[in-house]
PDB file of N, CA and C in Angstrom:
ATOM      1  N   MET A   1      62.822 230.874 142.956  1.00  0.00           N
ATOM      2  CA  MET A   1      63.265 229.585 143.425  1.00  0.00           C
ATOM      3  C   MET A   1      63.559 228.689 142.229  1.00  0.00           C
ATOM      4  N   PRO A   2      64.710 228.003 142.212  1.00  0.00           N
ATOM      5  CA  PRO A   2      65.039 227.110 141.117  1.00  0.00           C
ATOM      6  C   PRO A   2      64.077 225.931 141.039  1.00  0.00           C
ATOM      7  N   ASN A   3      63.902 225.424 139.868  1.00  0.00           N
ATOM      8  CA  ASN A   3      63.052 224.260 139.670  1.00  0.00           C
ATOM      9  C   ASN A   3      63.773 223.029 140.220  1.00  0.00           C
ATOM     10  N   PRO A   4      63.220 222.341 141.201  1.00  0.00           N
ATOM     11  CA  PRO A   4      63.900 221.180 141.788  1.00  0.00           C
ATOM     12  C   PRO A   4      63.927 219.961 140.869  1.00  0.00           C
ATOM     13  N   HIS A   5      63.202 220.003 139.759  1.00  0.00           N
ATOM     14  CA  HIS A   5      63.141 218.861 138.853  1.00  0.00           C
ATOM     15  C   HIS A   5      63.958 219.068 137.577  1.00  0.00           C
ATOM     16  N   THR A   6      64.776 220.107 137.534  1.00  0.00           N
ATOM     17  CA  THR A   6      65.561 220.405 136.344  1.00  0.00           C
ATOM     18  C   THR A   6      66.462 219.237 135.956  1.00  0.00           C
ATOM     19  N   ALA A   7      67.099 218.611 136.920  1.00  0.00           N
ATOM     20  CA  ALA A   7      68.046 217.532 136.629  1.00  0.00           C
ATOM     21  C   ALA A   7      67.364 216.200 136.316  1.00  0.00           C
ATOM     22  N   ASP A   8      66.062 216.119 136.442  1.00  0.00           N
ATOM     23  CA  ASP A   8      65.361 214.853 136.216  1.00  0.00           C
ATOM     24  C   ASP A   8      65.325 214.435 134.749  1.00  0.00           C
ATOM     25  N   HIS A   9      65.462 215.367 133.838  1.00  0.00           N
ATOM     26  CA  HIS A   9      65.280 215.080 132.413  1.00  0.00           C
ATOM     27  C   HIS A   9      66.424 215.642 131.583  1.00  0.00           C
ATOM     28  N   GLN A  10      67.649 215.359 131.972  1.00  0.00           N
ATOM     29  CA  GLN A  10      68.806 215.878 131.262  1.00  0.00           C
ATOM     30  C   GLN A  10      68.891 215.364 129.830  1.00  0.00           C
ATOM     31  N   ASP A  11      68.289 214.214 129.534  1.00  0.00           N
ATOM     32  CA  ASP A  11      68.327 213.667 128.179  1.00  0.00           C
ATOM     33  C   ASP A  11      67.508 214.486 127.192  1.00  0.00           C
ATOM     34  N   GLN A  12      66.710 215.407 127.671  1.00  0.00           N
ATOM     35  CA  GLN A  12      65.879 216.243 126.809  1.00  0.00           C
ATOM     36  C   GLN A  12      66.603 217.505 126.348  1.00  0.00           C
ATOM     37  N   TYR A  13      67.765 217.760 126.915  1.00  0.00           N
ATOM     38  CA  TYR A  13      68.481 218.985 126.610  1.00  0.00           C
ATOM     39  C   TYR A  13      69.690 218.687 125.747  1.00  0.00           C
ATOM     40  N   LYS A  14      69.916 219.550 124.769  1.00  0.00           N
ATOM     41  CA  LYS A  14      71.072 219.416 123.898  1.00  0.00           C
ATOM     42  C   LYS A  14      72.140 220.402 124.363  1.00  0.00           C
ATOM     43  N   THR A  15      73.340 219.919 124.548  1.00  0.00           N
ATOM     44  CA  THR A  15      74.431 220.797 124.955  1.00  0.00           C
ATOM     45  C   THR A  15      74.911 221.584 123.750  1.00  0.00           C
ATOM     46  N   PRO A  16      74.948 222.912 123.819  1.00  0.00           N
ATOM     47  CA  PRO A  16      75.404 223.706 122.688  1.00  0.00           C
ATOM     48  C   PRO A  16      76.848 223.373 122.320  1.00  0.00           C
ATOM     49  N   ASN A  17      77.125 223.306 121.029  1.00  0.00           N
ATOM     50  CA  ASN A  17      78.463 223.070 120.506  1.00  0.00           C
ATOM     51  C   ASN A  17      79.084 221.792 121.054  1.00  0.00           C
ATOM     52  N   ALA A  18      78.267 220.774 121.285  1.00  0.00           N
ATOM     53  CA  ALA A  18      78.766 219.538 121.879  1.00  0.00           C
ATOM     54  C   ALA A  18      79.433 218.626 120.862  1.00  0.00           C
ATOM     55  N   GLN A  19      79.199 218.866 119.581  1.00  0.00           N
ATOM     56  CA  GLN A  19      79.765 217.996 118.555  1.00  0.00           C
ATOM     57  C   GLN A  19      81.272 218.235 118.482  1.00  0.00           C
ATOM     58  N   GLN A  20      82.061 217.178 118.614  1.00  0.00           N
ATOM     59  CA  GLN A  20      83.505 217.320 118.639  1.00  0.00           C
ATOM     60  C   GLN A  20      84.191 216.855 117.362  1.00  0.00           C
ATOM     61  N   SER A  21      83.458 216.230 116.436  1.00  0.00           N
ATOM     62  CA  SER A  21      84.017 215.814 115.168  1.00  0.00           C
ATOM     63  C   SER A  21      83.045 216.207 114.066  1.00  0.00           C
ATOM     64  N   VAL A  22      83.560 216.938 113.075  1.00  0.00           N
ATOM     65  CA  VAL A  22      82.704 217.479 112.019  1.00  0.00           C
ATOM     66  C   VAL A  22      83.316 217.160 110.664  1.00  0.00           C
ATOM     67  N   GLU A  23      82.522 216.549 109.786  1.00  0.00           N
ATOM     68  CA  GLU A  23      82.954 216.317 108.414  1.00  0.00           C
ATOM     69  C   GLU A  23      82.486 217.495 107.568  1.00  0.00           C
ATOM     70  N   ILE A  24      83.395 218.026 106.746  1.00  0.00           N
ATOM     71  CA  ILE A  24      83.054 219.139 105.864  1.00  0.00           C
ATOM     72  C   ILE A  24      83.413 218.760 104.436  1.00  0.00           C
ATOM     73  N   THR A  25      82.881 219.536 103.487  1.00  0.00           N
ATOM     74  CA  THR A  25      83.198 219.350 102.076  1.00  0.00           C
ATOM     75  C   THR A  25      83.849 220.620 101.555  1.00  0.00           C
ATOM     76  N   ARG A  26      84.293 220.584 100.334  1.00  0.00           N
ATOM     77  CA  ARG A  26      84.928 221.778  99.738  1.00  0.00           C
ATOM     78  C   ARG A  26      83.957 222.954  99.651  1.00  0.00           C
ATOM     79  N   ALA A  27      82.668 222.656  99.635  1.00  0.00           N
ATOM     80  CA  ALA A  27      81.657 223.725  99.605  1.00  0.00           C
ATOM     81  C   ALA A  27      81.667 224.534 100.906  1.00  0.00           C
ATOM     82  N   ASP A  28      82.192 223.963 101.979  1.00  0.00           N
ATOM     83  CA  ASP A  28      82.244 224.642 103.266  1.00  0.00           C
ATOM     84  C   ASP A  28      83.475 225.525 103.429  1.00  0.00           C
ATOM     85  N   LEU A  29      84.390 225.484 102.456  1.00  0.00           N
ATOM     86  CA  LEU A  29      85.623 226.271 102.549  1.00  0.00           C
ATOM     87  C   LEU A  29      85.372 227.724 102.203  1.00  0.00           C
ATOM     88  N   PRO A  30      86.072 228.671 102.770  1.00  0.00           N
ATOM     89  CA  PRO A  30      87.112 228.488 103.764  1.00  0.00           C
ATOM     90  C   PRO A  30      86.506 228.084 105.108  1.00  0.00           C
ATOM     91  N   LEU A  31      87.183 227.159 105.770  1.00  0.00           N
ATOM     92  CA  LEU A  31      86.707 226.629 107.048  1.00  0.00           C
ATOM     93  C   LEU A  31      86.964 227.621 108.168  1.00  0.00           C
ATOM     94  N   HIS A  32      85.948 227.838 108.957  1.00  0.00           N
ATOM     95  CA  HIS A  32      86.131 228.649 110.160  1.00  0.00           C
ATOM     96  C   HIS A  32      85.383 227.995 111.306  1.00  0.00           C
ATOM     97  N   CYS A  33      85.849 228.280 112.491  1.00  0.00           N
ATOM     98  CA  CYS A  33      85.234 227.752 113.697  1.00  0.00           C
ATOM     99  C   CYS A  33      84.962 228.942 114.610  1.00  0.00           C
ATOM    100  N   PRO A  34      83.790 229.043 115.192  1.00  0.00           N
ATOM    101  CA  PRO A  34      82.670 228.127 115.124  1.00  0.00           C
ATOM    102  C   PRO A  34      81.984 228.185 113.760  1.00  0.00           C
ATOM    103  N   MET A  35      81.339 227.066 113.426  1.00  0.00           N
ATOM    104  CA  MET A  35      80.629 226.942 112.159  1.00  0.00           C
ATOM    105  C   MET A  35      79.276 227.633 112.256  1.00  0.00           C
ATOM    106  N   PRO A  36      78.651 227.953 111.109  1.00  0.00           N
ATOM    107  CA  PRO A  36      77.302 228.517 111.143  1.00  0.00           C
ATOM    108  C   PRO A  36      76.355 227.561 111.863  1.00  0.00           C
ATOM    109  N   GLY A  37      75.483 228.105 112.651  1.00  0.00           N
ATOM    110  CA  GLY A  37      74.532 227.303 113.401  1.00  0.00           C
ATOM    111  C   GLY A  37      75.010 226.959 114.794  1.00  0.00           C
ATOM    112  N   ALA A  38      76.266 227.254 115.107  1.00  0.00           N
ATOM    113  CA  ALA A  38      76.770 226.989 116.458  1.00  0.00           C
ATOM    114  C   ALA A  38      76.175 228.006 117.417  1.00  0.00           C
ATOM    115  N   SER A  39      76.003 227.593 118.634  1.00  0.00           N
ATOM    116  CA  SER A  39      75.492 228.490 119.659  1.00  0.00           C
ATOM    117  C   SER A  39      76.553 229.541 119.958  1.00  0.00           C
ATOM    118  N   LEU A  40      76.231 230.794 119.744  1.00  0.00           N
ATOM    119  CA  LEU A  40      77.237 231.848 119.873  1.00  0.00           C
ATOM    120  C   LEU A  40      77.411 232.373 121.291  1.00  0.00           C
ATOM    121  N   TRP A  41      76.479 232.124 122.164  1.00  0.00           N
ATOM    122  CA  TRP A  41      76.574 232.705 123.491  1.00  0.00           C
ATOM    123  C   TRP A  41      77.742 232.147 124.301  1.00  0.00           C
ATOM    124  N   ASN A  42      78.224 230.960 123.949  1.00  0.00           N
ATOM    125  CA  ASN A  42      79.360 230.409 124.688  1.00  0.00           C
ATOM    126  C   ASN A  42      80.496 230.001 123.753  1.00  0.00           C
ATOM    127  N   SER A  43      80.573 230.610 122.578  1.00  0.00           N
ATOM    128  CA  SER A  43      81.595 230.260 121.599  1.00  0.00           C
ATOM    129  C   SER A  43      82.817 231.152 121.731  1.00  0.00           C
ATOM    130  N   HIS A  44      83.866 230.744 121.053  1.00  0.00           N
ATOM    131  CA  HIS A  44      85.100 231.525 121.005  1.00  0.00           C
ATOM    132  C   HIS A  44      85.072 232.441 119.786  1.00  0.00           C
ATOM    133  N   PRO A  45      86.038 233.345 119.645  1.00  0.00           N
ATOM    134  CA  PRO A  45      86.088 234.200 118.445  1.00  0.00           C
ATOM    135  C   PRO A  45      86.264 233.362 117.181  1.00  0.00           C
ATOM    136  N   ARG A  46      85.771 233.859 116.076  1.00  0.00           N
ATOM    137  CA  ARG A  46      85.897 233.134 114.807  1.00  0.00           C
ATOM    138  C   ARG A  46      87.364 233.059 114.406  1.00  0.00           C
ATOM    139  N   VAL A  47      87.786 231.864 114.038  1.00  0.00           N
ATOM    140  CA  VAL A  47      89.148 231.644 113.571  1.00  0.00           C
ATOM    141  C   VAL A  47      89.067 230.793 112.313  1.00  0.00           C
ATOM    142  N   PHE A  48      89.852 231.167 111.313  1.00  0.00           N
ATOM    143  CA  PHE A  48      89.889 230.426 110.058  1.00  0.00           C
ATOM    144  C   PHE A  48      90.942 229.333 110.150  1.00  0.00           C
ATOM    145  N   LEU A  49      90.590 228.133 109.681  1.00  0.00           N
ATOM    146  CA  LEU A  49      91.441 226.957 109.809  1.00  0.00           C
ATOM    147  C   LEU A  49      91.853 226.464 108.421  1.00  0.00           C
ATOM    148  N   PRO A  50      93.150 226.407 108.118  1.00  0.00           N
ATOM    149  CA  PRO A  50      93.626 226.024 106.776  1.00  0.00           C
ATOM    150  C   PRO A  50      93.621 224.511 106.555  1.00  0.00           C
ATOM    151  N   ILE A  51      92.459 223.903 106.602  1.00  0.00           N
ATOM    152  CA  ILE A  51      92.353 222.443 106.471  1.00  0.00           C
ATOM    153  C   ILE A  51      92.777 221.962 105.096  1.00  0.00           C
ATOM    154  N   GLU A  52      92.590 222.774 104.069  1.00  0.00           N
ATOM    155  CA  GLU A  52      92.940 222.339 102.710  1.00  0.00           C
ATOM    156  C   GLU A  52      94.450 222.190 102.546  1.00  0.00           C
ATOM    157  N   ASP A  53      95.249 222.811 103.415  1.00  0.00           N
ATOM    158  CA  ASP A  53      96.705 222.692 103.355  1.00  0.00           C
ATOM    159  C   ASP A  53      97.247 221.535 104.187  1.00  0.00           C
ATOM    160  N   ALA A  54      96.423 220.951 105.024  1.00  0.00           N
ATOM    161  CA  ALA A  54      96.861 219.853 105.886  1.00  0.00           C
ATOM    162  C   ALA A  54      97.051 218.574 105.069  1.00  0.00           C
ATOM    163  N   LYS A  55      98.121 217.848 105.338  1.00  0.00           N
ATOM    164  CA  LYS A  55      98.420 216.631 104.577  1.00  0.00           C
ATOM    165  C   LYS A  55      97.334 215.578 104.714  1.00  0.00           C
ATOM    166  N   ASP A  56      96.817 215.396 105.918  1.00  0.00           N
ATOM    167  CA  ASP A  56      95.801 214.365 106.142  1.00  0.00           C
ATOM    168  C   ASP A  56      94.373 214.909 106.043  1.00  0.00           C
ATOM    169  N   LYS A  57      94.235 216.170 105.630  1.00  0.00           N
ATOM    170  CA  LYS A  57      92.932 216.832 105.445  1.00  0.00           C
ATOM    171  C   LYS A  57      92.098 216.837 106.727  1.00  0.00           C
ATOM    172  N   THR A  58      92.776 216.956 107.862  1.00  0.00           N
ATOM    173  CA  THR A  58      92.096 217.124 109.144  1.00  0.00           C
ATOM    174  C   THR A  58      92.693 218.333 109.845  1.00  0.00           C
ATOM    175  N   TYR A  59      91.906 218.915 110.743  1.00  0.00           N
ATOM    176  CA  TYR A  59      92.385 220.080 111.489  1.00  0.00           C
ATOM    177  C   TYR A  59      91.635 220.142 112.810  1.00  0.00           C
ATOM    178  N   ILE A  60      92.330 220.516 113.859  1.00  0.00           N
ATOM    179  CA  ILE A  60      91.720 220.647 115.173  1.00  0.00           C
ATOM    180  C   ILE A  60      91.720 222.118 115.558  1.00  0.00           C
ATOM    181  N   CYS A  61      90.551 222.620 115.947  1.00  0.00           N
ATOM    182  CA  CYS A  61      90.435 224.013 116.354  1.00  0.00           C
ATOM    183  C   CYS A  61      91.261 224.239 117.623  1.00  0.00           C
ATOM    184  N   PRO A  62      92.136 225.243 117.616  1.00  0.00           N
ATOM    185  CA  PRO A  62      92.965 225.487 118.789  1.00  0.00           C
ATOM    186  C   PRO A  62      92.186 226.030 119.991  1.00  0.00           C
ATOM    187  N   TYR A  63      90.998 226.553 119.759  1.00  0.00           N
ATOM    188  CA  TYR A  63      90.198 227.090 120.863  1.00  0.00           C
ATOM    189  C   TYR A  63      89.355 226.023 121.549  1.00  0.00           C
ATOM    190  N   CYS A  64      88.570 225.282 120.756  1.00  0.00           N
ATOM    191  CA  CYS A  64      87.578 224.377 121.361  1.00  0.00           C
ATOM    192  C   CYS A  64      87.898 222.903 121.176  1.00  0.00           C
ATOM    193  N   GLY A  65      88.886 222.577 120.328  1.00  0.00           N
ATOM    194  CA  GLY A  65      89.272 221.190 120.141  1.00  0.00           C
ATOM    195  C   GLY A  65      88.395 220.410 119.175  1.00  0.00           C
ATOM    196  N   THR A  66      87.473 221.078 118.492  1.00  0.00           N
ATOM    197  CA  THR A  66      86.655 220.380 117.503  1.00  0.00           C
ATOM    198  C   THR A  66      87.541 219.849 116.386  1.00  0.00           C
ATOM    199  N   HIS A  67      87.341 218.595 116.016  1.00  0.00           N
ATOM    200  CA  HIS A  67      88.127 217.918 114.993  1.00  0.00           C
ATOM    201  C   HIS A  67      87.378 217.994 113.663  1.00  0.00           C
ATOM    202  N   TYR A  68      87.966 218.641 112.681  1.00  0.00           N
ATOM    203  CA  TYR A  68      87.346 218.772 111.361  1.00  0.00           C
ATOM    204  C   TYR A  68      88.029 217.815 110.389  1.00  0.00           C
ATOM    205  N   VAL A  69      87.219 217.203 109.515  1.00  0.00           N
ATOM    206  CA  VAL A  69      87.718 216.286 108.502  1.00  0.00           C
ATOM    207  C   VAL A  69      87.170 216.740 107.152  1.00  0.00           C
ATOM    208  N   LEU A  70      88.070 216.948 106.190  1.00  0.00           N
ATOM    209  CA  LEU A  70      87.663 217.366 104.851  1.00  0.00           C
ATOM    210  C   LEU A  70      87.427 216.129 104.001  1.00  0.00           C
ATOM    211  N   LYS A  71      86.179 215.964 103.545  1.00  0.00           N
ATOM    212  CA  LYS A  71      85.815 214.845 102.672  1.00  0.00           C
ATOM    213  C   LYS A  71      85.694 215.362 101.251  1.00  0.00           C
ATOM    214  N   ASP A  72      86.420 214.733 100.335  1.00  0.00           N
ATOM    215  CA  ASP A  72      86.357 215.171  98.924  1.00  0.00           C
ATOM    216  C   ASP A  72      85.212 214.514  98.207  1.00  0.00           C
TER     217      ASP A  72
END
């Protein structure tokens, strides 16, 4: 039987991969998504993102929409 009180404390649970904007540094290159530490059970395949070639140094993952910003 499901716990009838599961929804009572939603603020205690962290949604996996919920972060939609991520700042990275050159030490994080080459950039790939999902990043290390992301929950893998509901992630997409790893894809490399050429953020260093982007004029504005930002890139959006085509799978999950996470917005990456390269900070120098």
